[in-house]
C-alpha atoms as a PDB file:
ATOM      1  CA  MET A   1      63.841 -11.281 105.799  1.00  0.00           C
ATOM      2  CA  GLN A   2      63.490 -15.238 105.143  1.00  0.00           C
ATOM      3  CA  ARG A   3      60.510 -14.863 103.031  1.00  0.00           C
ATOM      4  CA  ILE A   4      61.670 -12.590 101.098  1.00  0.00           C
ATOM      5  CA  GLU A   5      64.640 -14.584 100.110  1.00  0.00           C
ATOM      6  CA  ALA A   6      62.261 -17.284  99.951  1.00  0.00           C
ATOM      7  CA  LYS A   7      60.018 -15.506  97.481  1.00  0.00           C
ATOM      8  CA  LEU A   8      63.267 -14.231  95.545  1.00  0.00           C
ATOM      9  CA  VAL A   9      64.730 -17.996  95.010  1.00  0.00           C
ATOM     10  CA  ALA A  10      61.011 -19.183  93.747  1.00  0.00           C
ATOM     11  CA  LEU A  11      61.062 -16.044  91.357  1.00  0.00           C
ATOM     12  CA  ILE A  12      64.677 -17.297  90.046  1.00  0.00           C
ATOM     13  CA  VAL A  13      63.904 -21.116  89.249  1.00  0.00           C
ATOM     14  CA  GLY A  14      60.429 -19.754  87.762  1.00  0.00           C
ATOM     15  CA  LYS A  15      62.289 -17.894  85.426  1.00  0.00           C
ATOM     16  CA  GLY A  16      64.736 -20.007  84.608  1.00  0.00           C
ATOM     17  CA  GLN A  17      62.539 -22.788  84.309  1.00  0.00           C
ATOM     18  CA  ALA A  18      60.912 -20.375  81.395  1.00  0.00           C
ATOM     19  CA  LEU A  19      64.041 -19.753  80.049  1.00  0.00           C
ATOM     20  CA  ALA A  20      64.741 -23.347  79.872  1.00  0.00           C
ATOM     21  CA  ALA A  21      61.383 -24.656  78.159  1.00  0.00           C
ATOM     22  CA  THR A  22      61.968 -21.556  75.402  1.00  0.00           C
ATOM     23  CA  LEU A  23      65.159 -22.665  74.434  1.00  0.00           C
ATOM     24  CA  HIS A  24      64.292 -26.474  74.703  1.00  0.00           C
ATOM     25  CA  GLY A  25      60.964 -25.848  72.199  1.00  0.00           C
ATOM     26  CA  LYS A  26      63.609 -23.702  69.575  1.00  0.00           C
ATOM     27  CA  GLY A  27      64.303 -26.329  66.743  1.00  0.00           C
ATOM     28  CA  SER A  28      60.882 -28.423  67.420  1.00  0.00           C
ATOM     29  CA  ALA A  29      57.703 -28.748  65.371  1.00  0.00           C
ATOM     30  CA  ALA A  30      55.067 -26.003  65.617  1.00  0.00           C
ATOM     31  CA  PRO A  31      52.055 -27.202  67.167  1.00  0.00           C
ATOM     32  CA  GLY A  32      49.863 -29.101  64.868  1.00  0.00           C
ATOM     33  CA  THR A  33      52.286 -29.716  62.299  1.00  0.00           C
ATOM     34  CA  ALA A  34      54.141 -32.991  61.563  1.00  0.00           C
ATOM     35  CA  PRO A  35      58.138 -32.510  62.455  1.00  0.00           C
ATOM     36  CA  LYS A  36      60.452 -32.606  59.595  1.00  0.00           C
ATOM     37  CA  PRO A  37      63.467 -35.312  59.750  1.00  0.00           C
ATOM     38  CA  GLY A  38      66.104 -34.245  62.117  1.00  0.00           C
ATOM     39  CA  GLN A  39      63.874 -31.934  64.013  1.00  0.00           C
ATOM     40  CA  GLY A  40      63.883 -31.485  67.659  1.00  0.00           C
ATOM     41  CA  THR A  41      66.655 -31.432  70.160  1.00  0.00           C
ATOM     42  CA  GLY A  42      66.927 -35.281  70.757  1.00  0.00           C
ATOM     43  CA  ALA A  43      67.834 -38.164  68.272  1.00  0.00           C
ATOM     44  CA  PRO A  44      64.103 -39.580  66.786  1.00  0.00           C
ATOM     45  CA  THR A  45      63.487 -42.650  68.947  1.00  0.00           C
ATOM     46  CA  LEU A  46      62.808 -46.388  67.089  1.00  0.00           C
ATOM     47  CA  GLN A  47      59.172 -45.479  66.266  1.00  0.00           C
ATOM     48  CA  GLN A  48      59.444 -42.338  64.562  1.00  0.00           C
ATOM     49  CA  GLN A  49      62.349 -43.423  62.542  1.00  0.00           C
ATOM     50  CA  LEU A  50      60.110 -45.830  61.068  1.00  0.00           C
ATOM     51  CA  ASP A  51      57.227 -43.249  61.101  1.00  0.00           C
ATOM     52  CA  GLN A  52      59.383 -40.701  59.143  1.00  0.00           C
ATOM     53  CA  VAL A  53      60.676 -43.667  57.130  1.00  0.00           C
ATOM     54  CA  MET A  54      57.221 -44.784  55.692  1.00  0.00           C
ATOM     55  CA  ALA A  55      55.910 -41.624  55.201  1.00  0.00           C
ATOM     56  CA  ALA A  56      58.794 -40.569  52.729  1.00  0.00           C
ATOM     57  CA  ALA A  57      57.918 -44.322  51.185  1.00  0.00           C
ATOM     58  CA  LEU A  58      54.344 -43.487  50.999  1.00  0.00           C
ATOM     59  CA  HIS A  59      55.681 -40.086  49.255  1.00  0.00           C
ATOM     60  CA  ALA A  60      58.058 -41.372  46.972  1.00  0.00           C
ATOM     61  CA  LEU A  61      55.225 -43.931  45.529  1.00  0.00           C
ATOM     62  CA  THR A  62      52.884 -41.549  44.484  1.00  0.00           C
ATOM     63  CA  LYS A  63      54.466 -41.313  41.209  1.00  0.00           C
ATOM     64  CA  TYR A  64      52.785 -44.861  40.218  1.00  0.00           C
ATOM     65  CA  ASN A  65      49.174 -44.146  41.972  1.00  0.00           C
ATOM     66  CA  GLY A  66      46.486 -45.719  40.075  1.00  0.00           C
ATOM     67  CA  LYS A  67      48.935 -47.966  38.028  1.00  0.00           C
ATOM     68  CA  ARG A  68      49.180 -51.677  37.292  1.00  0.00           C
ATOM     69  CA  GLU A  69      53.480 -51.740  38.631  1.00  0.00           C
ATOM     70  CA  ARG A  70      55.925 -55.228  39.637  1.00  0.00           C
ATOM     71  CA  GLU A  71      57.327 -55.448  42.531  1.00  0.00           C
ATOM     72  CA  SER A  72      61.157 -54.991  40.506  1.00  0.00           C
ATOM     73  CA  ASP A  73      59.574 -51.440  39.583  1.00  0.00           C
ATOM     74  CA  LEU A  74      58.700 -50.564  42.986  1.00  0.00           C
ATOM     75  CA  GLN A  75      61.979 -51.583  44.814  1.00  0.00           C
ATOM     76  CA  PRO A  76      64.368 -49.078  43.373  1.00  0.00           C
ATOM     77  CA  THR A  77      62.402 -46.248  44.547  1.00  0.00           C
ATOM     78  CA  LEU A  78      61.894 -47.933  48.511  1.00  0.00           C
ATOM     79  CA  ASP A  79      66.247 -48.131  47.829  1.00  0.00           C
ATOM     80  CA  GLY A  80      66.330 -44.680  46.859  1.00  0.00           C
ATOM     81  CA  VAL A  81      64.289 -43.772  49.901  1.00  0.00           C
ATOM     82  CA  LYS A  82      66.413 -45.985  52.297  1.00  0.00           C
ATOM     83  CA  GLN A  83      69.740 -44.418  50.778  1.00  0.00           C
ATOM     84  CA  SER A  84      68.499 -40.752  51.085  1.00  0.00           C
ATOM     85  CA  THR A  85      69.253 -38.405  54.005  1.00  0.00           C
ATOM     86  CA  PRO A  86      68.485 -38.976  57.372  1.00  0.00           C
ATOM     87  CA  TYR A  87      67.329 -42.092  56.624  1.00  0.00           C
ATOM     88  CA  SER A  88      70.392 -43.845  55.560  1.00  0.00           C
ATOM     89  CA  ALA A  89      71.507 -42.993  59.095  1.00  0.00           C
ATOM     90  CA  TYR A  90      68.606 -45.328  60.709  1.00  0.00           C
ATOM     91  CA  LYS A  91      69.172 -48.957  60.952  1.00  0.00           C
ATOM     92  CA  ILE A  92      66.400 -49.876  58.500  1.00  0.00           C
ATOM     93  CA  GLN A  93      66.602 -53.707  58.288  1.00  0.00           C
ATOM     94  CA  THR A  94      63.832 -54.081  55.519  1.00  0.00           C
ATOM     95  CA  LEU A  95      61.601 -51.581  53.363  1.00  0.00           C
ATOM     96  CA  LYS A  96      59.857 -53.684  50.637  1.00  0.00           C
ATOM     97  CA  PRO A  97      56.443 -53.745  48.367  1.00  0.00           C
ATOM     98  CA  VAL A  98      54.648 -56.657  49.115  1.00  0.00           C
ATOM     99  CA  ALA A  99      51.176 -57.262  47.283  1.00  0.00           C
ATOM    100  CA  ASP A 100      47.876 -56.920  50.069  1.00  0.00           C
ATOM    101  CA  PRO A 101      45.872 -60.475  50.340  1.00  0.00           C
ATOM    102  CA  ASP A 102      43.825 -59.604  47.404  1.00  0.00           C
ATOM    103  CA  LYS A 103      46.771 -59.401  45.215  1.00  0.00           C
ATOM    104  CA  GLU A 104      45.074 -56.124  44.065  1.00  0.00           C
ATOM    105  CA  HIS A 105      47.095 -53.439  46.009  1.00  0.00           C
ATOM    106  CA  TRP A 106      50.642 -52.709  47.043  1.00  0.00           C
ATOM    107  CA  ASP A 107      51.905 -52.271  50.558  1.00  0.00           C
ATOM    108  CA  VAL A 108      54.635 -51.150  52.081  1.00  0.00           C
ATOM    109  CA  TYR A 109      56.246 -52.926  54.373  1.00  0.00           C
ATOM    110  CA  GLY A 110      59.273 -51.595  56.453  1.00  0.00           C
ATOM    111  CA  GLU A 111      60.894 -52.569  59.630  1.00  0.00           C
ATOM    112  CA  ILE A 112      64.022 -51.175  61.726  1.00  0.00           C
ATOM    113  CA  ASN A 113      63.081 -52.830  65.143  1.00  0.00           C
ATOM    114  CA  PRO A 114      59.236 -51.789  65.053  1.00  0.00           C
ATOM    115  CA  LYS A 115      57.740 -52.625  62.375  1.00  0.00           C
ATOM    116  CA  ALA A 116      54.669 -51.476  59.971  1.00  0.00           C
ATOM    117  CA  THR A 117      53.227 -52.087  56.969  1.00  0.00           C
ATOM    118  CA  LYS A 118      50.719 -48.793  54.768  1.00  0.00           C
ATOM    119  CA  ARG A 119      48.267 -49.419  52.163  1.00  0.00           C
ATOM    120  CA  THR A 120      49.045 -47.487  48.986  1.00  0.00           C
ATOM    121  CA  THR A 121      47.057 -46.750  45.834  1.00  0.00           C
ATOM    122  CA  VAL A 122      49.564 -48.114  43.478  1.00  0.00           C
ATOM    123  CA  LEU A 123      47.982 -51.590  41.554  1.00  0.00           C
ATOM    124  CA  VAL A 124      49.556 -55.019  41.667  1.00  0.00           C
ATOM    125  CA  ALA A 125      50.754 -56.245  38.048  1.00  0.00           C
ATOM    126  CA  GLY A 126      50.109 -60.051  37.268  1.00  0.00           C
ATOM    127  CA  PRO A 127      53.751 -61.312  35.765  1.00  0.00           C
ATOM    128  CA  THR A 128      53.670 -62.384  32.316  1.00  0.00           C
ATOM    129  CA  GLY A 129      52.284 -66.058  32.172  1.00  0.00           C
ATOM    130  CA  THR A 130      49.840 -65.964  35.371  1.00  0.00           C
ATOM    131  CA  ASN A 131      46.832 -64.961  33.155  1.00  0.00           C
ATOM    132  CA  ARG A 132      45.020 -63.650  36.152  1.00  0.00           C
ATOM    133  CA  TYR A 133      41.882 -62.870  33.375  1.00  0.00           C
ATOM    134  CA  GLN A 134      41.902 -65.985  32.033  1.00  0.00           C
ATOM    135  CA  ALA A 135      41.474 -64.797  28.699  1.00  0.00           C
ATOM    136  CA  THR A 136      42.723 -66.423  25.397  1.00  0.00           C
ATOM    137  CA  LYS A 137      45.178 -64.780  23.307  1.00  0.00           C
ATOM    138  CA  LEU A 138      44.346 -64.402  19.562  1.00  0.00           C
ATOM    139  CA  GLY A 139      47.549 -62.840  18.066  1.00  0.00           C
ATOM    140  CA  THR A 140      49.470 -59.891  18.697  1.00  0.00           C
ATOM    141  CA  GLY A 141      47.780 -57.437  21.115  1.00  0.00           C
ATOM    142  CA  SER A 142      44.135 -59.303  20.532  1.00  0.00           C
ATOM    143  CA  PHE A 143      42.727 -61.987  22.917  1.00  0.00           C
ATOM    144  CA  GLU A 144      38.990 -62.438  24.301  1.00  0.00           C
ATOM    145  CA  GLY A 145      37.465 -63.971  27.495  1.00  0.00           C
ATOM    146  CA  ASN A 146      34.731 -63.155  29.899  1.00  0.00           C
ATOM    147  CA  PHE A 147      33.921 -60.290  32.420  1.00  0.00           C
ATOM    148  CA  ALA A 148      32.986 -63.015  35.061  1.00  0.00           C
ATOM    149  CA  ASN A 149      36.718 -63.989  35.268  1.00  0.00           C
ATOM    150  CA  PHE A 150      37.988 -60.588  35.856  1.00  0.00           C
ATOM    151  CA  PRO A 151      40.452 -60.686  38.856  1.00  0.00           C
ATOM    152  CA  GLY A 152      38.329 -57.754  40.444  1.00  0.00           C
ATOM    153  CA  TRP A 153      37.161 -54.186  39.738  1.00  0.00           C
ATOM    154  CA  ASN A 154      39.077 -52.049  41.563  1.00  0.00           C
ATOM    155  CA  GLY A 155      39.940 -48.870  40.656  1.00  0.00           C
ATOM    156  CA  TYR A 156      36.334 -49.022  38.274  1.00  0.00           C
ATOM    157  CA  PRO A 157      35.635 -45.733  38.193  1.00  0.00           C
ATOM    158  CA  PRO A 158      32.943 -45.052  41.036  1.00  0.00           C
ATOM    159  CA  SER A 159      31.235 -42.056  38.501  1.00  0.00           C
ATOM    160  CA  THR A 160      28.028 -40.343  40.052  1.00  0.00           C
ATOM    161  CA  ALA A 161      26.716 -39.640  36.410  1.00  0.00           C
ATOM    162  CA  THR A 162      25.050 -36.818  35.649  1.00  0.00           C
ATOM    163  CA  PRO A 163      21.720 -37.175  33.959  1.00  0.00           C
ATOM    164  CA  HIS A 164      20.624 -35.930  30.527  1.00  0.00           C
ATOM    165  CA  PRO A 165      17.493 -35.571  29.286  1.00  0.00           C
ATOM    166  CA  ALA A 166      19.486 -37.178  25.343  1.00  0.00           C
ATOM    167  CA  ASN A 167      19.533 -40.393  27.080  1.00  0.00           C
ATOM    168  CA  ALA A 168      15.887 -40.467  28.674  1.00  0.00           C
ATOM    169  CA  LYS A 169      14.631 -39.547  25.170  1.00  0.00           C
ATOM    170  CA  TYR A 170      16.788 -41.912  22.711  1.00  0.00           C
ATOM    171  CA  HIS A 171      16.420 -45.035  25.578  1.00  0.00           C
ATOM    172  CA  GLN A 172      19.858 -44.946  26.671  1.00  0.00           C
ATOM    173  CA  GLN A 173      21.250 -45.677  29.911  1.00  0.00           C
ATOM    174  CA  ASN A 174      20.645 -42.433  32.374  1.00  0.00           C
ATOM    175  CA  ASN A 175      21.986 -44.363  35.644  1.00  0.00           C
ATOM    176  CA  PRO A 176      23.404 -42.334  38.355  1.00  0.00           C
ATOM    177  CA  VAL A 177      26.293 -44.433  38.825  1.00  0.00           C
ATOM    178  CA  VAL A 178      27.936 -46.007  35.588  1.00  0.00           C
ATOM    179  CA  PRO A 179      27.215 -49.913  35.426  1.00  0.00           C
ATOM    180  CA  ARG A 180      29.587 -52.874  35.001  1.00  0.00           C
ATOM    181  CA  THR A 181      29.397 -54.492  31.999  1.00  0.00           C
ATOM    182  CA  THR A 182      29.462 -58.067  32.155  1.00  0.00           C
ATOM    183  CA  GLY A 183      29.349 -61.091  29.123  1.00  0.00           C
ATOM    184  CA  HIS A 184      31.859 -61.917  26.442  1.00  0.00           C
ATOM    185  CA  TYR A 185      34.574 -59.501  25.513  1.00  0.00           C
ATOM    186  CA  ARG A 186      36.771 -59.703  22.618  1.00  0.00           C
ATOM    187  CA  VAL A 187      39.671 -57.356  21.734  1.00  0.00           C
ATOM    188  CA  THR A 188      41.187 -56.906  18.164  1.00  0.00           C
ATOM    189  CA  GLY A 189      41.898 -53.856  17.561  1.00  0.00           C
ATOM    190  CA  GLU A 190      38.857 -51.912  16.823  1.00  0.00           C
ATOM    191  CA  GLN A 191      38.468 -48.179  16.783  1.00  0.00           C
ATOM    192  CA  THR A 192      35.723 -47.187  19.842  1.00  0.00           C
ATOM    193  CA  LEU A 193      32.868 -45.177  17.961  1.00  0.00           C
ATOM    194  CA  GLY A 194      31.073 -42.086  19.163  1.00  0.00           C
ATOM    195  CA  ALA A 195      27.509 -41.108  19.828  1.00  0.00           C
ATOM    196  CA  ILE A 196      24.799 -41.633  17.742  1.00  0.00           C
ATOM    197  CA  HIS A 197      22.366 -39.121  18.525  1.00  0.00           C
ATOM    198  CA  THR A 198      24.207 -36.168  19.232  1.00  0.00           C
ATOM    199  CA  ASP A 199      23.176 -33.906  16.520  1.00  0.00           C
ATOM    200  CA  ASP A 200      19.631 -35.348  16.227  1.00  0.00           C
ATOM    201  CA  TRP A 201      19.295 -33.834  19.835  1.00  0.00           C
ATOM    202  CA  ARG A 202      20.893 -30.878  19.017  1.00  0.00           C
ATOM    203  CA  SER A 203      18.794 -30.090  16.493  1.00  0.00           C
ATOM    204  CA  GLU A 204      15.416 -31.373  18.511  1.00  0.00           C
ATOM    205  CA  ILE A 205      16.503 -28.538  21.337  1.00  0.00           C
ATOM    206  CA  THR A 206      17.338 -25.754  18.975  1.00  0.00           C
ATOM    207  CA  LEU A 207      13.894 -26.256  17.056  1.00  0.00           C
ATOM    208  CA  GLU A 208      11.903 -26.183  20.815  1.00  0.00           C
ATOM    209  CA  LYS A 209      14.242 -22.895  21.427  1.00  0.00           C
ATOM    210  CA  ASN A 210      13.522 -21.577  18.162  1.00  0.00           C
ATOM    211  CA  GLY A 211       9.683 -21.839  19.191  1.00  0.00           C
ATOM    212  CA  VAL A 212       9.710 -20.235  22.303  1.00  0.00           C
ATOM    213  CA  LYS A 213      12.011 -17.741  20.511  1.00  0.00           C
ATOM    214  CA  THR A 214       8.421 -17.103  17.809  1.00  0.00           C
ATOM    215  CA  ASN A 215       5.964 -16.976  20.940  1.00  0.00           C
ATOM    216  CA  LEU A 216       8.240 -14.411  22.984  1.00  0.00           C
ATOM    217  CA  GLN A 217       8.565 -12.297  19.839  1.00  0.00           C
ATOM    218  CA  LYS A 218       4.674 -11.807  19.104  1.00  0.00           C
ATOM    219  CA  VAL A 219       4.172 -11.416  22.785  1.00  0.00           C
ATOM    220  CA  HIS A 220       7.219  -8.543  23.098  1.00  0.00           C
ATOM    221  CA  PRO A 221       7.426  -7.417  19.186  1.00  0.00           C
ATOM    222  CA  ASP A 222      10.239  -4.486  20.656  1.00  0.00           C
ATOM    223  CA  TRP A 223      12.844  -7.356  21.821  1.00  0.00           C
ATOM    224  CA  SER A 224      15.781  -7.620  20.630  1.00  0.00           C
ATOM    225  CA  LYS A 225      17.312 -10.723  18.502  1.00  0.00           C
ATOM    226  CA  SER A 226      19.888 -11.042  21.550  1.00  0.00           C
ATOM    227  CA  ASP A 227      16.907 -10.965  23.962  1.00  0.00           C
ATOM    228  CA  LEU A 228      14.497 -13.066  22.233  1.00  0.00           C
ATOM    229  CA  GLU A 229      17.678 -15.211  21.911  1.00  0.00           C
ATOM    230  CA  LYS A 230      18.441 -14.894  25.677  1.00  0.00           C
ATOM    231  CA  GLU A 231      15.395 -15.586  27.657  1.00  0.00           C
ATOM    232  CA  ALA A 232      14.459 -18.420  24.818  1.00  0.00           C
ATOM    233  CA  LYS A 233      17.682 -20.522  25.834  1.00  0.00           C
ATOM    234  CA  LYS A 234      16.436 -19.432  29.742  1.00  0.00           C
ATOM    235  CA  ALA A 235      12.896 -21.625  29.658  1.00  0.00           C
ATOM    236  CA  ILE A 236      14.655 -24.321  27.592  1.00  0.00           C
ATOM    237  CA  GLU A 237      16.705 -24.303  30.972  1.00  0.00           C
ATOM    238  CA  GLN A 238      14.109 -23.923  33.079  1.00  0.00           C
ATOM    239  CA  LYS A 239      12.252 -26.757  31.540  1.00  0.00           C
ATOM    240  CA  TYR A 240      15.291 -29.317  31.398  1.00  0.00           C
ATOM    241  CA  ASN A 241      16.724 -28.144  34.919  1.00  0.00           C
ATOM    242  CA  MET A 242      20.034 -27.533  32.801  1.00  0.00           C
ATOM    243  CA  ASN A 243      22.410 -24.924  31.382  1.00  0.00           C
ATOM    244  CA  TRP A 244      22.232 -24.560  27.917  1.00  0.00           C
ATOM    245  CA  THR A 245      25.911 -25.298  27.022  1.00  0.00           C
ATOM    246  CA  ASP A 246      25.128 -29.357  28.850  1.00  0.00           C
ATOM    247  CA  LEU A 247      21.862 -29.639  27.193  1.00  0.00           C
ATOM    248  CA  PHE A 248      23.705 -28.732  24.260  1.00  0.00           C
ATOM    249  CA  LEU A 249      26.470 -31.876  24.858  1.00  0.00           C
ATOM    250  CA  ILE A 250      28.989 -29.299  24.429  1.00  0.00           C
ATOM    251  CA  ASN A 251      31.861 -30.858  26.653  1.00  0.00           C
ATOM    252  CA  TRP A 252      30.386 -34.449  26.643  1.00  0.00           C
ATOM    253  CA  ALA A 253      30.869 -37.824  25.439  1.00  0.00           C
ATOM    254  CA  GLY A 254      28.880 -40.831  24.634  1.00  0.00           C
ATOM    255  CA  HIS A 255      30.243 -44.036  26.339  1.00  0.00           C
ATOM    256  CA  HIS A 256      30.068 -47.314  25.815  1.00  0.00           C
ATOM    257  CA  ILE A 257      29.290 -49.770  28.484  1.00  0.00           C
ATOM    258  CA  HIS A 258      30.417 -52.527  27.216  1.00  0.00           C
ATOM    259  CA  PRO A 259      33.105 -50.245  25.082  1.00  0.00           C
ATOM    260  CA  ILE A 260      33.305 -51.109  21.623  1.00  0.00           C
ATOM    261  CA  ASN A 261      37.076 -51.705  21.102  1.00  0.00           C
ATOM    262  CA  TRP A 262      36.244 -54.950  23.915  1.00  0.00           C
ATOM    263  CA  GLY A 263      33.379 -55.565  21.596  1.00  0.00           C
ATOM    264  CA  GLY A 264      30.552 -53.691  23.399  1.00  0.00           C
ATOM    265  CA  PRO A 265      27.496 -52.767  20.554  1.00  0.00           C
ATOM    266  CA  HIS A 266      27.127 -49.575  18.973  1.00  0.00           C
ATOM    267  CA  ILE A 267      23.473 -49.618  19.987  1.00  0.00           C
ATOM    268  CA  GLU A 268      21.398 -46.831  22.291  1.00  0.00           C
ATOM    269  CA  THR A 269      21.028 -49.972  25.176  1.00  0.00           C
ATOM    270  CA  ASN A 270      24.904 -50.279  25.700  1.00  0.00           C
ATOM    271  CA  LEU A 271      25.311 -46.004  25.192  1.00  0.00           C
ATOM    272  CA  GLN A 272      25.328 -43.635  27.977  1.00  0.00           C
ATOM    273  CA  TYR A 273      25.575 -39.492  27.470  1.00  0.00           C
ATOM    274  CA  LEU A 274      29.015 -38.287  30.481  1.00  0.00           C
ATOM    275  CA  LYS A 275      30.756 -35.007  31.261  1.00  0.00           C
ATOM    276  CA  ASN A 276      33.849 -35.582  29.481  1.00  0.00           C
ATOM    277  CA  GLN A 277      35.530 -35.451  32.629  1.00  0.00           C
ATOM    278  CA  GLU A 278      32.997 -38.278  33.961  1.00  0.00           C
ATOM    279  CA  HIS A 279      33.983 -40.132  31.058  1.00  0.00           C
ATOM    280  CA  TYR A 280      37.808 -39.964  31.058  1.00  0.00           C
ATOM    281  CA  PRO A 281      39.175 -42.084  34.076  1.00  0.00           C
ATOM    282  CA  PHE A 282      36.828 -45.288  31.927  1.00  0.00           C
ATOM    283  CA  ASN A 283      39.130 -44.710  29.033  1.00  0.00           C
ATOM    284  CA  THR A 284      42.194 -44.818  31.354  1.00  0.00           C
ATOM    285  CA  TRP A 285      40.879 -47.500  33.708  1.00  0.00           C
ATOM    286  CA  TRP A 286      40.330 -49.846  30.713  1.00  0.00           C
ATOM    287  CA  ASP A 287      43.310 -49.117  28.365  1.00  0.00           C
ATOM    288  CA  ASN A 288      45.205 -50.491  31.796  1.00  0.00           C
ATOM    289  CA  ARG A 289      43.148 -53.555  31.777  1.00  0.00           C
ATOM    290  CA  LYS A 290      44.099 -54.545  27.825  1.00  0.00           C
ATOM    291  CA  ALA A 291      47.967 -53.859  28.455  1.00  0.00           C
ATOM    292  CA  GLU A 292      47.882 -55.875  31.536  1.00  0.00           C
ATOM    293  CA  ILE A 293      46.013 -58.536  30.016  1.00  0.00           C
ATOM    294  CA  ILE A 294      48.220 -58.374  27.263  1.00  0.00           C
ATOM    295  CA  ARG A 295      51.741 -58.039  29.493  1.00  0.00           C
ATOM    296  CA  GLU A 296      50.053 -61.542  31.650  1.00  0.00           C
ATOM    297  CA  LEU A 297      49.659 -63.039  27.881  1.00  0.00           C
ATOM    298  CA  GLY A 298      52.728 -62.722  27.022  1.00  0.00           C
END
């Protein structure tokens, strides 16, 4: 009888423990997912509070990703994080942007009792008058200097450029990674120029395609014009290992390694055909450098 009672007690205790665990689990994050602020049965520890605040701060600053910003531009956003729910209930001592040791990216420094520093992708903007680029002001919006004096090339597009046969034919750059430019620069408001040989190249491969069509017509006189066109293009694509749209430089741009509006020459050795999606980041990077130098020169 005692053995039966003992078994019944053990069974009841086991069921009670299982029920308690189930009830305790309600409100907890699912395995493998991050808990939301305030989720769970107990108050978060100071370390958990700091982790939550830092994650919220990094997320709030993503709108500045890749831009050059001052500390005064970022602090209001971080203050907004501190004042929002549930973080306003946390005893946050410090939440501020701090420049990394290279003065290139902003970090976020947070302190409750534990402290942490997290890297962002927001770039540090030099204050007016610092002239980190050692540029010389020539007038409103114009300046000159040397690329060797750039304080850094962080953010320069690590473009894996698609080689193009037109680059090779016209002795242009055809590097899989676009090089950085060197030497003197001068920015005076000139507009950039397009590629030199786009029309020449399109005429070249069109003549080549038409030659293939003529030969195919001799061998296959029963083929329609559309069949001849399709097969001729296919032959040219196989020759260059590239689809016809890319071969014809559709959605491609002539990229100047040393930008024309930075005083670069409009010559073949300073040019490289890039796909538009490979080219756009360079335009953005150079526009940001120009704006930053103008701001620093005042």
